[in-house]
Amino acid sequence: MTTQKQAGRARLHLIISGRVQGVGFRFSAYDEAKDLALAGWVRNIPGGEVEIVAEGSKENLQMLAAWAHLGPPAAHVTEVREDWLDSTGEFTEFRIR
């Protein structure tokens, strides 16, 4: 990717707490990220949380973060921790881990 393409891009690390495992959160996050043209991954964490690392346009990452506060219908999100970082360009697609 060129430097110009990297401009306006960012990396977002999310930890989502609440009833977020066993409710289709990862699959919904995958669909949301794909719709927003983001790259990265989503996974369950042993402590019962869901972790998302995504890269793309800041605007689309903000939409993903807003979605994460709600999640899919069966989820009950109690907390979302957001960490904004510089884009690394290491991902070519979005995956469920």
Protein backbone atom coordinates (compact mmCIF):
# COMPACT_ATOMS: atom_id res chain seq x y z
CA MET A 1 0.00 0.00 0.00
CA THR A 2 1.19 3.48 -0.71
CA THR A 3 1.66 6.05 2.00
CA GLN A 4 -1.21 8.04 0.52
CA LYS A 5 -3.54 5.05 0.88
CA GLN A 6 -2.45 4.61 4.52
CA ALA A 7 -3.43 8.22 5.27
CA GLY A 8 -6.76 8.29 7.08
CA ARG A 9 -6.36 4.65 8.08
CA ALA A 10 -6.10 3.38 11.63
CA ARG A 11 -6.10 0.27 13.80
CA LEU A 12 -8.71 -0.34 16.48
CA HIS A 13 -8.39 -2.86 19.30
CA LEU A 14 -11.66 -3.63 21.11
CA ILE A 15 -12.39 -5.76 24.18
CA ILE A 16 -16.14 -6.30 24.57
CA SER A 17 -17.54 -7.46 27.92
CA GLY A 18 -20.95 -8.75 28.95
CA ARG A 19 -22.99 -11.64 27.55
CA VAL A 20 -20.98 -11.75 24.33
CA GLN A 21 -20.02 -15.41 23.94
CA GLY A 22 -22.46 -18.03 22.67
CA VAL A 23 -24.73 -15.37 21.14
CA GLY A 24 -23.24 -15.11 17.64
CA PHE A 25 -21.12 -12.07 18.46
CA ARG A 26 -18.06 -13.17 16.47
CA PHE A 27 -20.11 -14.05 13.39
CA SER A 28 -22.02 -10.76 13.55
CA ALA A 29 -18.76 -8.84 14.05
CA TYR A 30 -17.33 -10.64 11.02
CA ASP A 31 -20.32 -9.61 8.87
CA GLU A 32 -20.14 -6.03 10.16
CA ALA A 33 -16.39 -5.76 9.50
CA LYS A 34 -16.77 -7.21 5.99
CA ASP A 35 -19.59 -4.75 5.23
CA LEU A 36 -17.33 -1.91 6.40
CA ALA A 37 -14.37 -3.13 4.28
CA LEU A 38 -12.20 -3.68 7.37
CA ALA A 39 -9.39 -6.19 7.79
CA GLY A 40 -8.31 -7.97 10.96
CA TRP A 41 -9.86 -10.57 13.24
CA VAL A 42 -12.30 -11.35 16.04
CA ARG A 43 -11.99 -14.03 18.74
CA ASN A 44 -13.38 -15.17 22.07
CA ILE A 45 -11.13 -14.62 25.09
CA PRO A 46 -11.09 -17.30 27.83
CA GLY A 47 -12.39 -14.76 30.41
CA GLY A 48 -15.72 -14.52 28.56
CA GLU A 49 -14.99 -11.41 26.51
CA VAL A 50 -14.67 -10.89 22.75
CA GLU A 51 -11.58 -9.26 21.23
CA ILE A 52 -11.53 -7.47 17.88
CA VAL A 53 -8.52 -6.06 16.05
CA ALA A 54 -9.44 -4.21 12.88
CA GLU A 55 -7.78 -1.87 10.41
CA GLY A 56 -9.34 0.41 7.84
CA SER A 57 -10.66 3.92 7.46
CA LYS A 58 -11.15 5.79 10.72
CA GLU A 59 -14.78 6.45 9.80
CA ASN A 60 -15.54 2.75 9.26
CA LEU A 61 -13.67 1.78 12.43
CA GLN A 62 -15.81 4.27 14.36
CA MET A 63 -18.91 2.58 12.93
CA LEU A 64 -17.57 -0.82 14.03
CA ALA A 65 -16.94 0.55 17.53
CA ALA A 66 -20.48 1.95 17.67
CA TRP A 67 -21.84 -1.44 16.55
CA ALA A 68 -19.76 -3.23 19.23
CA HIS A 69 -21.58 -1.28 21.96
CA LEU A 70 -24.78 -3.03 20.86
CA GLY A 71 -23.67 -6.29 19.26
CA PRO A 72 -26.13 -8.84 17.86
CA PRO A 73 -29.68 -9.04 19.30
CA ALA A 74 -28.91 -11.86 21.80
CA ALA A 75 -25.87 -10.09 23.24
CA HIS A 76 -25.83 -7.85 26.31
CA VAL A 77 -22.79 -5.58 26.13
CA THR A 78 -21.73 -4.06 29.46
CA GLU A 79 -18.38 -2.52 28.47
CA VAL A 80 -16.30 -1.80 25.37
CA ARG A 81 -12.64 -0.90 25.80
CA GLU A 82 -11.23 0.92 22.76
CA ASP A 83 -7.57 1.37 21.94
CA TRP A 84 -6.76 3.38 18.81
CA LEU A 85 -3.42 2.66 17.14
CA ASP A 86 -1.58 3.33 13.88
CA SER A 87 -2.47 1.06 10.98
CA THR A 88 0.18 -1.57 10.22
CA GLY A 89 -1.29 -2.90 6.98
CA GLU A 90 -0.61 -6.47 8.14
CA PHE A 91 -4.12 -7.81 7.39
CA THR A 92 -5.53 -8.61 3.96
CA GLU A 93 -9.00 -9.74 5.12
CA PHE A 94 -11.18 -10.12 8.19
CA ARG A 95 -11.25 -13.49 9.96
CA ILE A 96 -12.82 -15.28 12.89
CA ARG A 97 -10.17 -16.87 15.11
